[in-house]
Amino acid sequence: MVETRDNPGAKLELELRRGALVLAVLSQLRIAQYGYSLRQALAERGMAIEEGTLYPLLRRLESQGVLSSEWRIEDGPPRRYYRLNDAGEALLAELTDSWNALVATMGGLLKGDGT
């Protein structure tokens, strides 16, 4: 969606997407991944993310204590792999519950039945 004066919803759509981004990233880090593989996994599932958004988010989540990381040298250059730690697993479960409750609430609101 392209933001123009004729399309004020584009900015709001971007805000909705940003709100879901942390949950999307956490959901893919149950197994260790490096930045590019994580971007690919998200894009394949319809959640494309720019490098300039992803890497600062990964560093922030690690500094908040929900991700662990390690450098690995395999086939090719050294890569930093990220994975949920125990706190990250707990956060993912909490956010998943919150997301599911929000989806149910919004589903009712959007249908107009208020439940």
N, C-alpha and C. Protein backbone atom coordinates (compact mmCIF):
# COMPACT_ATOMS: atom_id res chain seq x y z
N MET A 1 0.86 -1.17 0.00
CA MET A 1 0.00 0.00 0.00
C MET A 1 0.90 1.23 0.00
N VAL A 2 0.69 2.17 -0.90
CA VAL A 2 1.50 3.37 -1.03
C VAL A 2 0.81 4.51 -0.31
N GLU A 3 1.59 5.23 0.50
CA GLU A 3 1.00 6.34 1.25
C GLU A 3 0.91 7.58 0.38
N THR A 4 -0.28 8.10 0.26
CA THR A 4 -0.53 9.35 -0.43
C THR A 4 -1.60 10.08 0.35
N ARG A 5 -1.88 11.30 -0.05
CA ARG A 5 -2.97 12.05 0.59
C ARG A 5 -4.30 11.36 0.35
N ASP A 6 -4.41 10.66 -0.78
CA ASP A 6 -5.63 9.95 -1.11
C ASP A 6 -5.72 8.60 -0.41
N ASN A 7 -4.66 8.20 0.28
CA ASN A 7 -4.62 6.88 0.90
C ASN A 7 -4.08 7.00 2.33
N PRO A 8 -4.86 7.56 3.26
CA PRO A 8 -4.37 7.72 4.63
C PRO A 8 -4.23 6.40 5.36
N GLY A 9 -4.82 5.33 4.86
CA GLY A 9 -4.74 4.03 5.51
C GLY A 9 -3.37 3.40 5.44
N ALA A 10 -2.53 3.83 4.52
CA ALA A 10 -1.20 3.23 4.37
C ALA A 10 -0.38 3.38 5.64
N LYS A 11 -0.40 4.55 6.25
CA LYS A 11 0.37 4.77 7.47
C LYS A 11 -0.18 3.91 8.61
N LEU A 12 -1.48 3.81 8.67
CA LEU A 12 -2.10 3.00 9.72
C LEU A 12 -1.81 1.51 9.51
N GLU A 13 -1.81 1.08 8.27
CA GLU A 13 -1.47 -0.31 7.97
C GLU A 13 -0.03 -0.61 8.39
N LEU A 14 0.87 0.33 8.15
CA LEU A 14 2.26 0.16 8.56
C LEU A 14 2.37 0.05 10.08
N GLU A 15 1.60 0.84 10.80
CA GLU A 15 1.61 0.77 12.27
C GLU A 15 1.12 -0.59 12.76
N LEU A 16 0.08 -1.12 12.13
CA LEU A 16 -0.42 -2.45 12.50
C LEU A 16 0.67 -3.50 12.29
N ARG A 17 1.34 -3.40 11.16
CA ARG A 17 2.39 -4.36 10.82
C ARG A 17 3.55 -4.28 11.81
N ARG A 18 3.95 -3.07 12.15
CA ARG A 18 5.04 -2.90 13.11
C ARG A 18 4.70 -3.53 14.46
N GLY A 19 3.44 -3.41 14.84
CA GLY A 19 3.02 -3.98 16.11
C GLY A 19 3.12 -5.49 16.14
N ALA A 20 3.01 -6.13 14.98
CA ALA A 20 3.07 -7.59 14.91
C ALA A 20 4.48 -8.11 14.66
N LEU A 21 5.41 -7.23 14.34
CA LEU A 21 6.74 -7.64 13.92
C LEU A 21 7.51 -8.39 15.00
N VAL A 22 7.45 -7.93 16.23
CA VAL A 22 8.19 -8.60 17.31
C VAL A 22 7.70 -10.03 17.45
N LEU A 23 6.39 -10.22 17.46
CA LEU A 23 5.83 -11.56 17.58
C LEU A 23 6.25 -12.43 16.39
N ALA A 24 6.23 -11.86 15.20
CA ALA A 24 6.64 -12.61 14.01
C ALA A 24 8.10 -13.07 14.12
N VAL A 25 8.97 -12.17 14.55
CA VAL A 25 10.40 -12.50 14.69
C VAL A 25 10.59 -13.57 15.76
N LEU A 26 9.97 -13.38 16.92
CA LEU A 26 10.11 -14.37 17.99
C LEU A 26 9.63 -15.74 17.55
N SER A 27 8.55 -15.77 16.78
CA SER A 27 7.97 -17.05 16.35
C SER A 27 8.93 -17.86 15.49
N GLN A 28 9.84 -17.18 14.81
CA GLN A 28 10.78 -17.86 13.92
C GLN A 28 12.11 -18.19 14.59
N LEU A 29 12.28 -17.76 15.83
CA LEU A 29 13.56 -17.99 16.51
C LEU A 29 13.49 -19.10 17.55
N ARG A 30 12.53 -20.00 17.39
CA ARG A 30 12.51 -21.21 18.23
C ARG A 30 13.67 -22.11 17.82
N ILE A 31 14.13 -21.93 16.58
CA ILE A 31 15.35 -22.58 16.12
C ILE A 31 16.34 -21.47 15.77
N ALA A 32 17.61 -21.74 15.95
CA ALA A 32 18.64 -20.73 15.71
C ALA A 32 18.68 -20.34 14.24
N GLN A 33 18.75 -19.05 14.01
CA GLN A 33 18.85 -18.52 12.65
C GLN A 33 19.74 -17.29 12.65
N TYR A 34 20.37 -17.04 11.53
CA TYR A 34 21.12 -15.80 11.35
C TYR A 34 20.21 -14.83 10.60
N GLY A 35 20.61 -13.59 10.52
CA GLY A 35 19.75 -12.54 9.99
C GLY A 35 19.14 -12.83 8.63
N TYR A 36 19.97 -13.25 7.68
CA TYR A 36 19.45 -13.47 6.33
C TYR A 36 18.45 -14.62 6.30
N SER A 37 18.76 -15.70 7.01
CA SER A 37 17.83 -16.85 7.02
C SER A 37 16.52 -16.47 7.69
N LEU A 38 16.59 -15.63 8.69
CA LEU A 38 15.38 -15.15 9.37
C LEU A 38 14.56 -14.27 8.43
N ARG A 39 15.22 -13.38 7.72
CA ARG A 39 14.51 -12.54 6.74
C ARG A 39 13.81 -13.39 5.70
N GLN A 40 14.50 -14.42 5.21
CA GLN A 40 13.92 -15.31 4.21
C GLN A 40 12.71 -16.06 4.78
N ALA A 41 12.83 -16.58 6.00
CA ALA A 41 11.73 -17.32 6.62
C ALA A 41 10.51 -16.43 6.78
N LEU A 42 10.72 -15.20 7.20
CA LEU A 42 9.61 -14.27 7.37
C LEU A 42 9.00 -13.90 6.02
N ALA A 43 9.83 -13.63 5.04
CA ALA A 43 9.33 -13.24 3.71
C ALA A 43 8.52 -14.37 3.09
N GLU A 44 8.98 -15.61 3.26
CA GLU A 44 8.26 -16.76 2.71
C GLU A 44 6.87 -16.91 3.32
N ARG A 45 6.71 -16.36 4.51
CA ARG A 45 5.42 -16.46 5.21
C ARG A 45 4.62 -15.15 5.12
N GLY A 46 5.06 -14.25 4.23
CA GLY A 46 4.32 -13.03 3.99
C GLY A 46 4.65 -11.85 4.86
N MET A 47 5.75 -11.94 5.62
CA MET A 47 6.14 -10.85 6.52
C MET A 47 7.54 -10.37 6.15
N ALA A 48 7.64 -9.70 5.01
CA ALA A 48 8.94 -9.17 4.58
C ALA A 48 9.40 -8.10 5.56
N ILE A 49 10.71 -8.05 5.78
CA ILE A 49 11.29 -7.08 6.71
C ILE A 49 12.63 -6.62 6.15
N GLU A 50 12.88 -5.35 6.26
CA GLU A 50 14.14 -4.78 5.77
C GLU A 50 15.26 -5.03 6.78
N GLU A 51 16.49 -5.14 6.26
CA GLU A 51 17.65 -5.32 7.13
C GLU A 51 17.75 -4.22 8.18
N GLY A 52 17.48 -2.99 7.75
CA GLY A 52 17.57 -1.85 8.65
C GLY A 52 16.56 -1.87 9.78
N THR A 53 15.57 -2.70 9.67
CA THR A 53 14.59 -2.89 10.73
C THR A 53 14.93 -4.13 11.55
N LEU A 54 15.33 -5.21 10.86
CA LEU A 54 15.56 -6.48 11.52
C LEU A 54 16.74 -6.46 12.48
N TYR A 55 17.90 -6.01 12.04
CA TYR A 55 19.09 -6.11 12.88
C TYR A 55 19.00 -5.26 14.15
N PRO A 56 18.50 -4.04 14.09
CA PRO A 56 18.31 -3.31 15.35
C PRO A 56 17.30 -4.01 16.28
N LEU A 57 16.27 -4.61 15.70
CA LEU A 57 15.29 -5.34 16.51
C LEU A 57 15.95 -6.53 17.20
N LEU A 58 16.76 -7.28 16.47
CA LEU A 58 17.46 -8.42 17.08
C LEU A 58 18.38 -7.98 18.21
N ARG A 59 19.12 -6.89 17.99
CA ARG A 59 20.01 -6.39 19.05
C ARG A 59 19.21 -5.93 20.27
N ARG A 60 18.07 -5.28 20.03
CA ARG A 60 17.23 -4.81 21.14
C ARG A 60 16.67 -5.99 21.92
N LEU A 61 16.17 -7.01 21.22
CA LEU A 61 15.62 -8.17 21.91
C LEU A 61 16.70 -8.91 22.70
N GLU A 62 17.90 -8.96 22.14
CA GLU A 62 19.00 -9.59 22.88
C GLU A 62 19.35 -8.79 24.12
N SER A 63 19.41 -7.48 24.00
CA SER A 63 19.73 -6.64 25.16
C SER A 63 18.62 -6.69 26.22
N GLN A 64 17.39 -6.99 25.79
CA GLN A 64 16.29 -7.14 26.74
C GLN A 64 16.28 -8.52 27.39
N GLY A 65 17.19 -9.39 26.97
CA GLY A 65 17.35 -10.68 27.63
C GLY A 65 16.43 -11.78 27.15
N VAL A 66 15.87 -11.65 25.92
CA VAL A 66 14.97 -12.69 25.43
C VAL A 66 15.58 -13.52 24.29
N LEU A 67 16.74 -13.11 23.81
CA LEU A 67 17.45 -13.87 22.78
C LEU A 67 18.87 -14.16 23.24
N SER A 68 19.37 -15.29 22.79
CA SER A 68 20.79 -15.62 22.94
C SER A 68 21.37 -15.60 21.54
N SER A 69 22.66 -15.30 21.45
CA SER A 69 23.30 -15.33 20.15
C SER A 69 24.69 -15.92 20.27
N GLU A 70 25.17 -16.42 19.14
CA GLU A 70 26.53 -16.95 19.08
C GLU A 70 27.03 -16.82 17.64
N TRP A 71 28.33 -16.64 17.53
CA TRP A 71 28.95 -16.59 16.21
C TRP A 71 29.28 -18.02 15.79
N ARG A 72 28.99 -18.33 14.54
CA ARG A 72 29.32 -19.65 13.99
C ARG A 72 30.05 -19.45 12.67
N ILE A 73 31.04 -20.31 12.48
CA ILE A 73 31.75 -20.34 11.20
C ILE A 73 31.45 -21.69 10.58
N GLU A 74 30.66 -21.67 9.54
CA GLU A 74 30.31 -22.90 8.83
C GLU A 74 30.76 -22.72 7.40
N ASP A 75 29.96 -23.06 6.45
CA ASP A 75 30.31 -22.85 5.04
C ASP A 75 30.14 -21.38 4.71
N GLY A 76 31.23 -20.65 4.64
CA GLY A 76 31.15 -19.24 4.31
C GLY A 76 31.62 -18.35 5.45
N PRO A 77 31.19 -17.10 5.43
CA PRO A 77 31.65 -16.14 6.43
C PRO A 77 31.04 -16.42 7.81
N PRO A 78 31.67 -15.89 8.86
CA PRO A 78 31.09 -16.04 10.20
C PRO A 78 29.70 -15.39 10.24
N ARG A 79 28.78 -16.02 10.95
CA ARG A 79 27.41 -15.51 11.07
C ARG A 79 26.99 -15.55 12.52
N ARG A 80 26.23 -14.53 12.89
CA ARG A 80 25.69 -14.49 14.24
C ARG A 80 24.31 -15.14 14.21
N TYR A 81 24.16 -16.20 14.98
CA TYR A 81 22.89 -16.92 15.07
C TYR A 81 22.15 -16.48 16.32
N TYR A 82 20.86 -16.27 16.18
CA TYR A 82 20.00 -15.87 17.28
C TYR A 82 18.99 -16.97 17.56
N ARG A 83 18.64 -17.10 18.84
CA ARG A 83 17.66 -18.10 19.25
C ARG A 83 16.98 -17.62 20.52
N LEU A 84 15.72 -18.00 20.69
CA LEU A 84 15.03 -17.69 21.93
C LEU A 84 15.73 -18.40 23.09
N ASN A 85 15.88 -17.70 24.20
CA ASN A 85 16.33 -18.35 25.42
C ASN A 85 15.07 -18.65 26.25
N ASP A 86 15.23 -19.06 27.49
CA ASP A 86 14.06 -19.41 28.31
C ASP A 86 13.11 -18.21 28.49
N ALA A 87 13.70 -17.03 28.71
CA ALA A 87 12.86 -15.83 28.85
C ALA A 87 12.14 -15.52 27.54
N GLY A 88 12.81 -15.76 26.42
CA GLY A 88 12.20 -15.54 25.12
C GLY A 88 11.06 -16.51 24.85
N GLU A 89 11.24 -17.77 25.25
CA GLU A 89 10.16 -18.77 25.10
C GLU A 89 8.95 -18.33 25.91
N ALA A 90 9.18 -17.85 27.13
CA ALA A 90 8.08 -17.39 27.98
C ALA A 90 7.40 -16.17 27.37
N LEU A 91 8.20 -15.24 26.84
CA LEU A 91 7.64 -14.05 26.21
C LEU A 91 6.83 -14.43 24.98
N LEU A 92 7.34 -15.34 24.17
CA LEU A 92 6.61 -15.78 22.99
C LEU A 92 5.26 -16.37 23.38
N ALA A 93 5.23 -17.20 24.41
CA ALA A 93 3.96 -17.79 24.86
C ALA A 93 3.00 -16.71 25.35
N GLU A 94 3.52 -15.74 26.09
CA GLU A 94 2.69 -14.64 26.61
C GLU A 94 2.13 -13.79 25.47
N LEU A 95 3.00 -13.42 24.53
CA LEU A 95 2.55 -12.60 23.41
C LEU A 95 1.61 -13.35 22.48
N THR A 96 1.82 -14.65 22.34
CA THR A 96 0.92 -15.46 21.52
C THR A 96 -0.48 -15.48 22.14
N ASP A 97 -0.55 -15.65 23.46
CA ASP A 97 -1.85 -15.61 24.14
C ASP A 97 -2.52 -14.25 23.95
N SER A 98 -1.74 -13.18 24.10
CA SER A 98 -2.28 -11.83 23.93
C SER A 98 -2.76 -11.62 22.50
N TRP A 99 -1.96 -12.10 21.54
CA TRP A 99 -2.32 -11.96 20.13
C TRP A 99 -3.63 -12.69 19.84
N ASN A 100 -3.74 -13.92 20.31
CA ASN A 100 -4.94 -14.71 20.05
C ASN A 100 -6.18 -14.08 20.67
N ALA A 101 -6.03 -13.52 21.86
CA ALA A 101 -7.16 -12.82 22.50
C ALA A 101 -7.54 -11.58 21.70
N LEU A 102 -6.54 -10.85 21.23
CA LEU A 102 -6.80 -9.65 20.44
C LEU A 102 -7.48 -9.99 19.12
N VAL A 103 -7.03 -11.05 18.46
CA VAL A 103 -7.64 -11.47 17.19
C VAL A 103 -9.10 -11.84 17.42
N ALA A 104 -9.38 -12.57 18.50
CA ALA A 104 -10.76 -12.95 18.80
C ALA A 104 -11.62 -11.72 19.07
N THR A 105 -11.10 -10.79 19.85
CA THR A 105 -11.84 -9.56 20.14
C THR A 105 -12.10 -8.76 18.87
N MET A 106 -11.05 -8.58 18.07
CA MET A 106 -11.21 -7.80 16.84
C MET A 106 -12.14 -8.51 15.87
N GLY A 107 -12.10 -9.84 15.82
CA GLY A 107 -13.01 -10.57 14.96
C GLY A 107 -14.45 -10.25 15.29
N GLY A 108 -14.76 -10.24 16.59
CA GLY A 108 -16.10 -9.90 17.02
C GLY A 108 -16.46 -8.47 16.72
N LEU A 109 -15.54 -7.58 16.96
CA LEU A 109 -15.81 -6.15 16.69
C LEU A 109 -16.04 -5.90 15.20
N LEU A 110 -15.22 -6.51 14.37
CA LEU A 110 -15.34 -6.29 12.94
C LEU A 110 -16.59 -6.93 12.34
N LYS A 111 -17.05 -8.02 12.95
CA LYS A 111 -18.32 -8.61 12.51
C LYS A 111 -19.49 -7.79 12.97
N GLY A 112 -19.26 -6.97 13.99
CA GLY A 112 -20.33 -6.12 14.50
C GLY A 112 -21.17 -6.74 15.58
N ASP A 113 -20.75 -7.93 16.09
CA ASP A 113 -21.55 -8.55 17.14
C ASP A 113 -21.07 -8.20 18.54
N GLY A 114 -19.90 -7.53 18.63
CA GLY A 114 -19.42 -7.04 19.91
C GLY A 114 -18.90 -8.11 20.85
N THR A 115 -18.75 -9.35 20.38
CA THR A 115 -18.22 -10.39 21.26
C THR A 115 -16.89 -10.87 20.80
